[in-house]
């Protein structure tokens, strides 16, 4: 074989070498049992009115709660209660009543943030 022919067909020779190498690899690993993995199940959360995590929403089971001139009907965020109050009601009295309600249900009063909204 002439050196000139080698340069002329060098791409074909390299491709033949690669094909032979791949064929030998395929024959070598033909009978190997590969580990088959099952795909992880995708969990789609269903929308519910009640939050699922009690740590972030400890009073959700006791809501709605209302008193003289105020009403608590939902959490706006984790550990944030929105209180709707009437115009003539004192916020300090409402806050004290809500803190008593929280203590009755064994929830720390400093854990929650209270947001007051006028109705």
N, C-alpha and C. Protein backbone atom coordinates (compact mmCIF):
# COMPACT_ATOMS: atom_id res chain seq x y z
N UNK A 1 0.83 -1.16 0.00
CA UNK A 1 0.00 0.00 0.00
C UNK A 1 0.88 1.24 0.00
N UNK A 2 0.48 2.12 -0.77
CA UNK A 2 1.23 3.34 -0.99
C UNK A 2 0.84 4.37 0.05
N UNK A 3 1.78 5.20 0.46
CA UNK A 3 1.51 6.25 1.43
C UNK A 3 0.56 7.29 0.88
N UNK A 4 0.58 7.45 -0.43
CA UNK A 4 -0.32 8.40 -1.09
C UNK A 4 -1.78 7.92 -0.97
N UNK A 5 -2.03 6.64 -1.07
CA UNK A 5 -3.38 6.09 -0.92
C UNK A 5 -3.88 6.25 0.53
N UNK A 6 -2.96 6.15 1.48
CA UNK A 6 -3.33 6.31 2.88
C UNK A 6 -3.88 7.71 3.13
N UNK A 7 -3.20 8.73 2.61
CA UNK A 7 -3.68 10.10 2.76
C UNK A 7 -4.98 10.34 2.01
N UNK A 8 -5.14 9.67 0.91
CA UNK A 8 -6.34 9.84 0.10
C UNK A 8 -7.57 9.26 0.79
N UNK A 9 -7.41 8.13 1.50
CA UNK A 9 -8.53 7.45 2.15
C UNK A 9 -8.46 7.49 3.68
N UNK A 10 -7.81 8.49 4.23
CA UNK A 10 -7.61 8.52 5.69
C UNK A 10 -8.94 8.64 6.46
N UNK A 11 -9.93 9.42 5.94
CA UNK A 11 -11.22 9.56 6.62
C UNK A 11 -11.94 8.21 6.67
N UNK A 12 -11.93 7.48 5.57
CA UNK A 12 -12.59 6.17 5.52
C UNK A 12 -11.90 5.20 6.47
N UNK A 13 -10.59 5.24 6.54
CA UNK A 13 -9.85 4.34 7.43
C UNK A 13 -10.17 4.66 8.90
N UNK A 14 -10.24 5.94 9.24
CA UNK A 14 -10.57 6.32 10.63
C UNK A 14 -11.99 5.88 10.97
N UNK A 15 -12.94 6.06 10.04
CA UNK A 15 -14.31 5.64 10.28
C UNK A 15 -14.42 4.12 10.44
N UNK A 16 -13.65 3.36 9.67
CA UNK A 16 -13.65 1.90 9.80
C UNK A 16 -13.12 1.50 11.17
N UNK A 17 -12.08 2.17 11.64
CA UNK A 17 -11.53 1.86 12.97
C UNK A 17 -12.57 2.15 14.06
N UNK A 18 -13.29 3.28 13.94
CA UNK A 18 -14.32 3.62 14.92
C UNK A 18 -15.44 2.59 14.89
N UNK A 19 -15.88 2.18 13.71
CA UNK A 19 -16.95 1.19 13.59
C UNK A 19 -16.52 -0.14 14.20
N UNK A 20 -15.30 -0.56 13.97
CA UNK A 20 -14.80 -1.81 14.55
C UNK A 20 -14.77 -1.70 16.07
N UNK A 21 -14.31 -0.56 16.59
CA UNK A 21 -14.26 -0.36 18.04
C UNK A 21 -15.67 -0.40 18.65
N UNK A 22 -16.64 0.26 18.02
CA UNK A 22 -18.02 0.25 18.52
C UNK A 22 -18.63 -1.15 18.45
N UNK A 23 -18.36 -1.87 17.39
CA UNK A 23 -18.86 -3.24 17.26
C UNK A 23 -18.31 -4.15 18.34
N UNK A 24 -17.03 -4.02 18.64
CA UNK A 24 -16.42 -4.84 19.69
C UNK A 24 -17.02 -4.49 21.06
N UNK A 25 -17.27 -3.22 21.28
CA UNK A 25 -17.88 -2.80 22.55
C UNK A 25 -19.29 -3.36 22.69
N UNK A 26 -20.04 -3.33 21.60
CA UNK A 26 -21.40 -3.87 21.63
C UNK A 26 -21.40 -5.36 21.90
N UNK A 27 -20.52 -6.10 21.27
CA UNK A 27 -20.44 -7.54 21.51
C UNK A 27 -19.99 -7.86 22.93
N UNK A 28 -19.11 -7.03 23.47
CA UNK A 28 -18.60 -7.26 24.82
C UNK A 28 -19.70 -7.10 25.88
N UNK A 29 -20.58 -6.10 25.71
CA UNK A 29 -21.62 -5.80 26.70
C UNK A 29 -23.01 -6.30 26.27
N UNK A 30 -23.06 -7.27 25.37
CA UNK A 30 -24.33 -7.77 24.84
C UNK A 30 -25.19 -8.44 25.91
N UNK A 31 -24.63 -9.22 26.79
CA UNK A 31 -25.38 -10.00 27.76
C UNK A 31 -25.42 -9.37 29.15
N UNK A 32 -25.07 -8.12 29.27
CA UNK A 32 -25.06 -7.46 30.57
C UNK A 32 -26.49 -7.02 30.92
N UNK A 33 -26.90 -7.31 32.15
CA UNK A 33 -28.21 -6.87 32.63
C UNK A 33 -28.04 -5.46 33.21
N UNK A 34 -28.62 -4.50 32.55
CA UNK A 34 -28.53 -3.12 33.01
C UNK A 34 -29.65 -2.85 34.00
N UNK A 35 -29.37 -1.99 34.97
CA UNK A 35 -30.35 -1.64 35.99
C UNK A 35 -31.42 -0.76 35.37
N UNK A 36 -32.67 -1.20 35.48
CA UNK A 36 -33.77 -0.43 34.93
C UNK A 36 -34.42 0.38 36.05
N UNK A 37 -34.50 1.66 35.86
CA UNK A 37 -35.09 2.55 36.85
C UNK A 37 -36.50 2.93 36.42
N UNK A 38 -37.40 2.88 37.39
CA UNK A 38 -38.76 3.32 37.12
C UNK A 38 -38.81 4.83 37.29
N UNK A 39 -39.56 5.51 36.46
CA UNK A 39 -39.64 6.96 36.64
C UNK A 39 -40.35 7.31 37.94
N UNK A 40 -39.88 8.38 38.57
CA UNK A 40 -40.48 8.82 39.83
C UNK A 40 -41.90 9.32 39.57
N UNK A 41 -42.81 8.95 40.44
CA UNK A 41 -44.19 9.40 40.23
C UNK A 41 -44.30 10.91 40.45
N UNK A 42 -45.09 11.54 39.63
CA UNK A 42 -45.31 12.97 39.74
C UNK A 42 -46.54 13.21 40.60
N UNK A 43 -46.34 13.93 41.68
CA UNK A 43 -47.44 14.22 42.59
C UNK A 43 -48.01 15.58 42.23
N UNK A 44 -49.27 15.60 41.90
CA UNK A 44 -49.95 16.84 41.57
C UNK A 44 -50.83 17.21 42.75
N UNK A 45 -50.50 18.31 43.43
CA UNK A 45 -51.32 18.66 44.59
C UNK A 45 -52.71 19.11 44.15
N UNK A 46 -53.68 18.67 44.89
CA UNK A 46 -55.05 19.07 44.57
C UNK A 46 -55.36 20.35 45.32
N UNK A 47 -56.02 21.27 44.68
CA UNK A 47 -56.33 22.52 45.36
C UNK A 47 -57.38 22.32 46.45
N UNK A 48 -57.08 22.84 47.59
CA UNK A 48 -58.02 22.75 48.71
C UNK A 48 -58.13 24.12 49.36
N UNK A 49 -59.20 24.32 50.04
CA UNK A 49 -59.40 25.59 50.76
C UNK A 49 -58.52 25.63 52.00
N UNK A 50 -58.37 24.48 52.64
CA UNK A 50 -57.61 24.43 53.88
C UNK A 50 -56.14 24.12 53.59
N UNK A 51 -55.21 24.86 54.17
CA UNK A 51 -53.78 24.56 53.99
C UNK A 51 -53.44 23.20 54.57
N UNK A 52 -52.43 22.58 54.02
CA UNK A 52 -52.05 21.24 54.44
C UNK A 52 -50.99 21.23 55.53
N UNK A 53 -50.31 22.35 55.76
CA UNK A 53 -49.21 22.37 56.71
C UNK A 53 -49.68 23.07 57.98
N UNK A 54 -49.78 22.33 59.06
CA UNK A 54 -50.26 22.89 60.32
C UNK A 54 -49.24 23.81 60.98
N UNK A 55 -47.95 23.65 60.70
CA UNK A 55 -46.95 24.50 61.32
C UNK A 55 -47.09 25.95 60.86
N UNK A 56 -47.42 26.17 59.62
CA UNK A 56 -47.55 27.52 59.09
C UNK A 56 -48.94 28.10 59.28
N UNK A 57 -49.94 27.26 59.49
CA UNK A 57 -51.32 27.69 59.64
C UNK A 57 -51.96 26.98 60.83
N UNK A 58 -51.50 27.24 62.06
CA UNK A 58 -52.00 26.45 63.19
C UNK A 58 -53.46 26.72 63.56
N UNK A 59 -54.02 27.85 63.16
CA UNK A 59 -55.39 28.17 63.55
C UNK A 59 -56.42 27.93 62.44
N UNK A 60 -56.02 27.31 61.36
CA UNK A 60 -56.94 27.18 60.22
C UNK A 60 -58.17 26.34 60.55
N UNK A 61 -58.06 25.44 61.51
CA UNK A 61 -59.21 24.62 61.89
C UNK A 61 -60.26 25.42 62.67
N UNK A 62 -59.83 26.53 63.28
CA UNK A 62 -60.71 27.32 64.14
C UNK A 62 -61.25 28.57 63.44
N UNK A 63 -60.93 28.72 62.18
CA UNK A 63 -61.37 29.88 61.40
C UNK A 63 -62.60 29.47 60.61
N UNK A 64 -63.62 30.24 60.46
CA UNK A 64 -63.75 31.66 60.81
C UNK A 64 -64.04 31.85 62.29
N UNK A 65 -63.52 32.95 62.80
CA UNK A 65 -63.74 33.34 64.18
C UNK A 65 -64.19 34.79 64.18
N UNK A 66 -65.19 35.09 64.98
CA UNK A 66 -65.67 36.47 65.03
C UNK A 66 -66.00 36.85 66.46
N UNK A 67 -66.00 38.14 66.68
CA UNK A 67 -66.33 38.68 67.99
C UNK A 67 -67.09 39.98 67.80
N UNK A 68 -67.12 40.80 68.83
CA UNK A 68 -67.84 42.07 68.76
C UNK A 68 -67.10 43.04 67.83
N UNK A 69 -67.60 43.21 66.63
CA UNK A 69 -67.06 44.19 65.69
C UNK A 69 -65.88 43.72 64.87
N UNK A 70 -65.55 42.44 64.89
CA UNK A 70 -64.44 41.95 64.06
C UNK A 70 -64.73 40.54 63.58
N UNK A 71 -63.97 40.14 62.55
CA UNK A 71 -64.11 38.79 62.00
C UNK A 71 -62.77 38.37 61.39
N UNK A 72 -62.36 37.13 61.69
CA UNK A 72 -61.17 36.52 61.09
C UNK A 72 -61.68 35.38 60.23
N UNK A 73 -61.43 35.44 58.92
CA UNK A 73 -61.93 34.35 58.07
C UNK A 73 -60.87 33.65 57.25
N UNK A 74 -59.62 34.15 57.23
CA UNK A 74 -58.59 33.44 56.45
C UNK A 74 -57.20 33.95 56.81
N UNK A 75 -56.21 33.14 56.43
CA UNK A 75 -54.80 33.53 56.48
C UNK A 75 -54.47 34.20 55.15
N UNK A 76 -53.69 35.27 55.18
CA UNK A 76 -53.23 35.86 53.93
C UNK A 76 -51.90 35.25 53.50
N UNK A 77 -51.07 34.89 54.46
CA UNK A 77 -49.78 34.24 54.25
C UNK A 77 -49.57 33.31 55.44
N UNK A 78 -48.52 32.51 55.42
CA UNK A 78 -48.25 31.70 56.61
C UNK A 78 -48.02 32.60 57.83
N UNK A 79 -48.72 32.30 58.89
CA UNK A 79 -48.64 32.99 60.17
C UNK A 79 -49.06 34.46 60.10
N UNK A 80 -49.88 34.83 59.14
CA UNK A 80 -50.40 36.20 59.02
C UNK A 80 -51.92 36.13 58.93
N UNK A 81 -52.59 36.68 59.95
CA UNK A 81 -54.06 36.69 59.99
C UNK A 81 -54.57 38.07 59.59
N UNK A 82 -55.60 38.09 58.76
CA UNK A 82 -56.26 39.34 58.40
C UNK A 82 -57.55 39.45 59.19
N UNK A 83 -57.67 40.58 59.90
CA UNK A 83 -58.84 40.81 60.73
C UNK A 83 -59.64 41.95 60.12
N UNK A 84 -60.90 41.69 59.84
CA UNK A 84 -61.80 42.74 59.33
C UNK A 84 -62.55 43.32 60.51
N UNK A 85 -62.40 44.64 60.70
CA UNK A 85 -63.02 45.28 61.84
C UNK A 85 -63.98 46.37 61.38
N UNK A 86 -64.95 46.67 62.24
CA UNK A 86 -65.87 47.78 61.98
C UNK A 86 -65.15 49.09 62.29
N UNK A 87 -65.70 50.20 61.80
CA UNK A 87 -65.06 51.50 61.96
C UNK A 87 -65.00 51.96 63.41
N UNK A 88 -66.00 51.66 64.20
CA UNK A 88 -66.07 52.20 65.56
C UNK A 88 -65.41 51.31 66.61
N UNK A 89 -64.77 50.23 66.22
CA UNK A 89 -64.18 49.28 67.17
C UNK A 89 -62.73 49.67 67.46
N UNK A 90 -62.33 49.51 68.74
CA UNK A 90 -60.96 49.80 69.17
C UNK A 90 -60.07 48.60 68.83
N UNK A 91 -58.97 48.86 68.13
CA UNK A 91 -58.06 47.78 67.70
C UNK A 91 -57.39 47.10 68.90
N UNK A 92 -57.10 47.84 69.95
CA UNK A 92 -56.44 47.25 71.13
C UNK A 92 -57.33 46.21 71.81
N UNK A 93 -58.62 46.50 71.90
CA UNK A 93 -59.55 45.54 72.51
C UNK A 93 -59.69 44.30 71.64
N UNK A 94 -59.76 44.51 70.34
CA UNK A 94 -59.86 43.38 69.40
C UNK A 94 -58.60 42.53 69.48
N UNK A 95 -57.43 43.19 69.53
CA UNK A 95 -56.17 42.46 69.60
C UNK A 95 -56.10 41.63 70.88
N UNK A 96 -56.55 42.18 71.99
CA UNK A 96 -56.54 41.44 73.25
C UNK A 96 -57.47 40.23 73.19
N UNK A 97 -58.63 40.38 72.58
CA UNK A 97 -59.55 39.25 72.44
C UNK A 97 -58.99 38.16 71.52
N UNK A 98 -58.31 38.59 70.46
CA UNK A 98 -57.69 37.61 69.55
C UNK A 98 -56.56 36.87 70.25
N UNK A 99 -55.76 37.58 71.03
CA UNK A 99 -54.68 36.92 71.78
C UNK A 99 -55.23 35.92 72.79
N UNK A 100 -56.34 36.25 73.43
CA UNK A 100 -56.97 35.28 74.35
C UNK A 100 -57.45 34.05 73.59
N UNK A 101 -58.03 34.25 72.42
CA UNK A 101 -58.48 33.14 71.57
C UNK A 101 -57.30 32.27 71.16
N UNK A 102 -56.18 32.90 70.82
CA UNK A 102 -54.99 32.14 70.43
C UNK A 102 -54.45 31.33 71.61
N UNK A 103 -54.44 31.92 72.80
CA UNK A 103 -53.97 31.19 73.99
C UNK A 103 -54.88 29.99 74.30
N UNK A 104 -56.19 30.17 74.13
CA UNK A 104 -57.13 29.06 74.35
C UNK A 104 -56.85 27.89 73.41
N UNK A 105 -56.38 28.18 72.20
CA UNK A 105 -56.10 27.14 71.22
C UNK A 105 -54.63 26.72 71.22
N UNK A 106 -53.89 27.14 72.26
CA UNK A 106 -52.49 26.73 72.47
C UNK A 106 -51.59 27.14 71.31
N UNK A 107 -51.73 28.40 70.89
CA UNK A 107 -50.87 28.97 69.85
C UNK A 107 -50.18 30.18 70.45
N UNK A 108 -48.87 30.28 70.23
CA UNK A 108 -48.12 31.40 70.78
C UNK A 108 -48.56 32.71 70.12
N UNK A 109 -48.83 33.72 70.94
CA UNK A 109 -49.35 34.98 70.41
C UNK A 109 -48.31 35.73 69.60
N UNK A 110 -47.04 35.59 69.93
CA UNK A 110 -45.99 36.31 69.19
C UNK A 110 -45.65 35.64 67.86
N UNK A 111 -46.18 34.47 67.61
CA UNK A 111 -45.88 33.77 66.36
C UNK A 111 -46.64 34.34 65.17
N UNK A 112 -47.77 34.98 65.42
CA UNK A 112 -48.61 35.48 64.34
C UNK A 112 -48.51 36.99 64.17
N UNK A 113 -48.64 37.41 62.95
CA UNK A 113 -48.74 38.83 62.63
C UNK A 113 -50.21 39.13 62.32
N UNK A 114 -50.72 40.20 62.90
CA UNK A 114 -52.11 40.55 62.72
C UNK A 114 -52.20 41.79 61.82
N UNK A 115 -53.04 41.69 60.78
CA UNK A 115 -53.27 42.81 59.87
C UNK A 115 -54.73 43.20 59.99
N UNK A 116 -54.96 44.48 60.30
CA UNK A 116 -56.33 44.97 60.47
C UNK A 116 -56.80 45.65 59.19
N UNK A 117 -58.02 45.32 58.77
CA UNK A 117 -58.65 45.95 57.61
C UNK A 117 -60.02 46.47 58.04
N UNK A 118 -60.34 47.67 57.57
CA UNK A 118 -61.66 48.25 57.85
C UNK A 118 -62.67 47.66 56.87
N UNK A 119 -63.86 47.37 57.37
CA UNK A 119 -64.91 46.84 56.49
C UNK A 119 -65.67 47.95 55.82
